[in-house]
Amino acid sequence: MVLTVAAGRALTLPPTLLLGWRWLRLRSGLAAAPVNQVAERLLTLGIRPLA
């Protein structure tokens, strides 16, 4: 699954979508051409229980 988010924007996913996932990869650039970041980037990932 590939989701695109612009800088300074947030993306909310339904918690059930992540059921069974063992790994989550966050990266910049296109699928065929990842981009190495030359400056520090801050990514915030929030996770909450289903209940």
PDB file of N, CA and C in Angstrom:
ATOM      1  N   MET A   1       0.839  -1.149   0.000  1.00  0.00           N
ATOM      2  CA  MET A   1       0.000   0.000   0.000  1.00  0.00           C
ATOM      3  C   MET A   1       0.897   1.229   0.000  1.00  0.00           C
ATOM      4  N   VAL A   2       0.591   2.187  -0.812  1.00  0.00           N
ATOM      5  CA  VAL A   2       1.350   3.432  -0.870  1.00  0.00           C
ATOM      6  C   VAL A   2       0.386   4.581  -0.634  1.00  0.00           C
ATOM      7  N   LEU A   3       0.715   5.416   0.333  1.00  0.00           N
ATOM      8  CA  LEU A   3      -0.080   6.604   0.638  1.00  0.00           C
ATOM      9  C   LEU A   3       0.817   7.825   0.517  1.00  0.00           C
ATOM     10  N   THR A   4       0.321   8.875  -0.090  1.00  0.00           N
ATOM     11  CA  THR A   4       1.113  10.076  -0.278  1.00  0.00           C
ATOM     12  C   THR A   4       0.586  11.182   0.623  1.00  0.00           C
ATOM     13  N   VAL A   5       1.514  11.834   1.318  1.00  0.00           N
ATOM     14  CA  VAL A   5       1.159  12.939   2.203  1.00  0.00           C
ATOM     15  C   VAL A   5       2.099  14.100   1.899  1.00  0.00           C
ATOM     16  N   ALA A   6       1.566  15.285   1.756  1.00  0.00           N
ATOM     17  CA  ALA A   6       2.380  16.468   1.489  1.00  0.00           C
ATOM     18  C   ALA A   6       3.018  16.964   2.788  1.00  0.00           C
ATOM     19  N   ALA A   7       4.047  17.759   2.660  1.00  0.00           N
ATOM     20  CA  ALA A   7       4.734  18.325   3.825  1.00  0.00           C
ATOM     21  C   ALA A   7       3.760  19.141   4.667  1.00  0.00           C
ATOM     22  N   GLY A   8       3.869  18.991   5.983  1.00  0.00           N
ATOM     23  CA  GLY A   8       3.022  19.741   6.901  1.00  0.00           C
ATOM     24  C   GLY A   8       1.591  19.236   6.985  1.00  0.00           C
ATOM     25  N   ARG A   9       1.328  18.062   6.454  1.00  0.00           N
ATOM     26  CA  ARG A   9      -0.019  17.502   6.460  1.00  0.00           C
ATOM     27  C   ARG A   9      -0.054  16.234   7.299  1.00  0.00           C
ATOM     28  N   ALA A  10      -1.250  15.835   7.685  1.00  0.00           N
ATOM     29  CA  ALA A  10      -1.429  14.618   8.478  1.00  0.00           C
ATOM     30  C   ALA A  10      -2.285  13.626   7.694  1.00  0.00           C
ATOM     31  N   LEU A  11      -2.108  12.373   8.006  1.00  0.00           N
ATOM     32  CA  LEU A  11      -2.885  11.314   7.393  1.00  0.00           C
ATOM     33  C   LEU A  11      -3.421  10.437   8.515  1.00  0.00           C
ATOM     34  N   THR A  12      -4.719  10.219   8.534  1.00  0.00           N
ATOM     35  CA  THR A  12      -5.346   9.378   9.548  1.00  0.00           C
ATOM     36  C   THR A  12      -5.836   8.092   8.892  1.00  0.00           C
ATOM     37  N   LEU A  13      -5.423   6.977   9.471  1.00  0.00           N
ATOM     38  CA  LEU A  13      -5.824   5.673   8.951  1.00  0.00           C
ATOM     39  C   LEU A  13      -6.740   4.987   9.945  1.00  0.00           C
ATOM     40  N   PRO A  14      -7.697   4.196   9.475  1.00  0.00           N
ATOM     41  CA  PRO A  14      -8.515   3.432  10.408  1.00  0.00           C
ATOM     42  C   PRO A  14      -7.638   2.381  11.100  1.00  0.00           C
ATOM     43  N   PRO A  15      -7.774   2.228  12.415  1.00  0.00           N
ATOM     44  CA  PRO A  15      -6.925   1.286  13.157  1.00  0.00           C
ATOM     45  C   PRO A  15      -7.008  -0.138  12.625  1.00  0.00           C
ATOM     46  N   THR A  16      -8.162  -0.546  12.127  1.00  0.00           N
ATOM     47  CA  THR A  16      -8.304  -1.915  11.633  1.00  0.00           C
ATOM     48  C   THR A  16      -7.455  -2.165  10.386  1.00  0.00           C
ATOM     49  N   LEU A  17      -7.083  -1.121   9.677  1.00  0.00           N
ATOM     50  CA  LEU A  17      -6.237  -1.275   8.500  1.00  0.00           C
ATOM     51  C   LEU A  17      -4.860  -1.822   8.869  1.00  0.00           C
ATOM     52  N   LEU A  18      -4.395  -1.520  10.074  1.00  0.00           N
ATOM     53  CA  LEU A  18      -3.061  -1.918  10.501  1.00  0.00           C
ATOM     54  C   LEU A  18      -3.018  -3.293  11.173  1.00  0.00           C
ATOM     55  N   LEU A  19      -4.167  -3.935  11.338  1.00  0.00           N
ATOM     56  CA  LEU A  19      -4.181  -5.249  11.980  1.00  0.00           C
ATOM     57  C   LEU A  19      -3.347  -6.240  11.180  1.00  0.00           C
ATOM     58  N   GLY A  20      -2.473  -6.951  11.862  1.00  0.00           N
ATOM     59  CA  GLY A  20      -1.645  -7.952  11.210  1.00  0.00           C
ATOM     60  C   GLY A  20      -0.352  -7.423  10.616  1.00  0.00           C
ATOM     61  N   TRP A  21      -0.178  -6.114  10.585  1.00  0.00           N
ATOM     62  CA  TRP A  21       1.077  -5.553  10.059  1.00  0.00           C
ATOM     63  C   TRP A  21       2.184  -5.738  11.074  1.00  0.00           C
ATOM     64  N   ARG A  22       3.321  -6.223  10.643  1.00  0.00           N
ATOM     65  CA  ARG A  22       4.486  -6.345  11.521  1.00  0.00           C
ATOM     66  C   ARG A  22       5.436  -5.186  11.333  1.00  0.00           C
ATOM     67  N   TRP A  23       5.433  -4.577  10.166  1.00  0.00           N
ATOM     68  CA  TRP A  23       6.382  -3.520   9.839  1.00  0.00           C
ATOM     69  C   TRP A  23       5.659  -2.361   9.166  1.00  0.00           C
ATOM     70  N   LEU A  24       6.209  -1.176   9.354  1.00  0.00           N
ATOM     71  CA  LEU A  24       5.712   0.022   8.688  1.00  0.00           C
ATOM     72  C   LEU A  24       6.925   0.787   8.189  1.00  0.00           C
ATOM     73  N   ARG A  25       6.976   1.050   6.909  1.00  0.00           N
ATOM     74  CA  ARG A  25       8.123   1.769   6.331  1.00  0.00           C
ATOM     75  C   ARG A  25       7.684   3.180   5.961  1.00  0.00           C
ATOM     76  N   LEU A  26       8.426   4.159   6.440  1.00  0.00           N
ATOM     77  CA  LEU A  26       8.194   5.563   6.098  1.00  0.00           C
ATOM     78  C   LEU A  26       9.385   6.018   5.272  1.00  0.00           C
ATOM     79  N   ARG A  27       9.131   6.579   4.110  1.00  0.00           N
ATOM     80  CA  ARG A  27      10.235   7.013   3.268  1.00  0.00           C
ATOM     81  C   ARG A  27       9.823   8.184   2.393  1.00  0.00           C
ATOM     82  N   SER A  28      10.818   8.842   1.848  1.00  0.00           N
ATOM     83  CA  SER A  28      10.595   9.978   0.953  1.00  0.00           C
ATOM     84  C   SER A  28      10.887   9.574  -0.476  1.00  0.00           C
ATOM     85  N   GLY A  29      10.233  10.233  -1.395  1.00  0.00           N
ATOM     86  CA  GLY A  29      10.499  10.001  -2.808  1.00  0.00           C
ATOM     87  C   GLY A  29       9.505   9.050  -3.433  1.00  0.00           C
ATOM     88  N   LEU A  30       9.755   8.745  -4.685  1.00  0.00           N
ATOM     89  CA  LEU A  30       8.906   7.829  -5.428  1.00  0.00           C
ATOM     90  C   LEU A  30       9.281   6.387  -5.128  1.00  0.00           C
ATOM     91  N   ALA A  31       8.397   5.460  -5.417  1.00  0.00           N
ATOM     92  CA  ALA A  31       8.687   4.046  -5.164  1.00  0.00           C
ATOM     93  C   ALA A  31       9.936   3.596  -5.914  1.00  0.00           C
ATOM     94  N   ALA A  32      10.108   4.085  -7.129  1.00  0.00           N
ATOM     95  CA  ALA A  32      11.257   3.676  -7.939  1.00  0.00           C
ATOM     96  C   ALA A  32      12.527   4.457  -7.610  1.00  0.00           C
ATOM     97  N   ALA A  33      12.373   5.598  -6.925  1.00  0.00           N
ATOM     98  CA  ALA A  33      13.542   6.447  -6.662  1.00  0.00           C
ATOM     99  C   ALA A  33      13.441   7.105  -5.285  1.00  0.00           C
ATOM    100  N   PRO A  34      13.789   6.367  -4.212  1.00  0.00           N
ATOM    101  CA  PRO A  34      13.745   6.972  -2.884  1.00  0.00           C
ATOM    102  C   PRO A  34      14.718   8.147  -2.792  1.00  0.00           C
ATOM    103  N   VAL A  35      14.400   9.093  -1.915  1.00  0.00           N
ATOM    104  CA  VAL A  35      15.206  10.297  -1.756  1.00  0.00           C
ATOM    105  C   VAL A  35      15.898  10.271  -0.395  1.00  0.00           C
ATOM    106  N   ASN A  36      17.206  10.422  -0.381  1.00  0.00           N
ATOM    107  CA  ASN A  36      17.933  10.553   0.883  1.00  0.00           C
ATOM    108  C   ASN A  36      17.744  11.971   1.408  1.00  0.00           C
ATOM    109  N   GLN A  37      17.417  12.083   2.680  1.00  0.00           N
ATOM    110  CA  GLN A  37      17.217  13.394   3.287  1.00  0.00           C
ATOM    111  C   GLN A  37      18.559  13.932   3.773  1.00  0.00           C
ATOM    112  N   VAL A  38      18.898  15.152   3.394  1.00  0.00           N
ATOM    113  CA  VAL A  38      20.168  15.738   3.813  1.00  0.00           C
ATOM    114  C   VAL A  38      20.023  16.534   5.105  1.00  0.00           C
ATOM    115  N   ALA A  39      18.792  16.867   5.467  1.00  0.00           N
ATOM    116  CA  ALA A  39      18.533  17.593   6.716  1.00  0.00           C
ATOM    117  C   ALA A  39      17.706  16.708   7.638  1.00  0.00           C
ATOM    118  N   GLU A  40      17.731  17.030   8.900  1.00  0.00           N
ATOM    119  CA  GLU A  40      16.958  16.277   9.889  1.00  0.00           C
ATOM    120  C   GLU A  40      15.467  16.452   9.628  1.00  0.00           C
ATOM    121  N   ARG A  41      14.726  15.371   9.737  1.00  0.00           N
ATOM    122  CA  ARG A  41      13.270  15.388   9.569  1.00  0.00           C
ATOM    123  C   ARG A  41      12.619  14.840  10.828  1.00  0.00           C
ATOM    124  N   LEU A  42      11.466  15.382  11.176  1.00  0.00           N
ATOM    125  CA  LEU A  42      10.721  14.914  12.338  1.00  0.00           C
ATOM    126  C   LEU A  42       9.433  14.265  11.851  1.00  0.00           C
ATOM    127  N   LEU A  43       9.262  12.993  12.169  1.00  0.00           N
ATOM    128  CA  LEU A  43       8.053  12.265  11.852  1.00  0.00           C
ATOM    129  C   LEU A  43       7.389  11.858  13.150  1.00  0.00           C
ATOM    130  N   THR A  44       6.120  12.131  13.285  1.00  0.00           N
ATOM    131  CA  THR A  44       5.393  11.765  14.493  1.00  0.00           C
ATOM    132  C   THR A  44       4.369  10.702  14.126  1.00  0.00           C
ATOM    133  N   LEU A  45       4.449   9.576  14.813  1.00  0.00           N
ATOM    134  CA  LEU A  45       3.517   8.478  14.570  1.00  0.00           C
ATOM    135  C   LEU A  45       2.741   8.234  15.857  1.00  0.00           C
ATOM    136  N   GLY A  46       1.439   8.375  15.789  1.00  0.00           N
ATOM    137  CA  GLY A  46       0.607   8.135  16.960  1.00  0.00           C
ATOM    138  C   GLY A  46      -0.183   6.850  16.781  1.00  0.00           C
ATOM    139  N   ILE A  47      -0.182   6.030  17.810  1.00  0.00           N
ATOM    140  CA  ILE A  47      -0.897   4.757  17.762  1.00  0.00           C
ATOM    141  C   ILE A  47      -1.809   4.681  18.979  1.00  0.00           C
ATOM    142  N   ARG A  48      -3.034   4.258  18.743  1.00  0.00           N
ATOM    143  CA  ARG A  48      -3.968   4.106  19.865  1.00  0.00           C
ATOM    144  C   ARG A  48      -4.588   2.722  19.823  1.00  0.00           C
ATOM    145  N   PRO A  49      -5.021   2.218  20.974  1.00  0.00           N
ATOM    146  CA  PRO A  49      -5.649   0.899  20.999  1.00  0.00           C
ATOM    147  C   PRO A  49      -6.996   0.918  20.286  1.00  0.00           C
ATOM    148  N   LEU A  50      -7.457  -0.255  19.881  1.00  0.00           N
ATOM    149  CA  LEU A  50      -8.747  -0.353  19.187  1.00  0.00           C
ATOM    150  C   LEU A  50      -9.933  -0.106  20.095  1.00  0.00           C
ATOM    151  N   ALA A  51      -9.801  -0.425  21.354  1.00  0.00           N
ATOM    152  CA  ALA A  51     -10.932  -0.336  22.292  1.00  0.00           C
ATOM    153  C   ALA A  51     -11.389   1.066  22.553  1.00  0.00           C
TER     154      ALA A  51
END
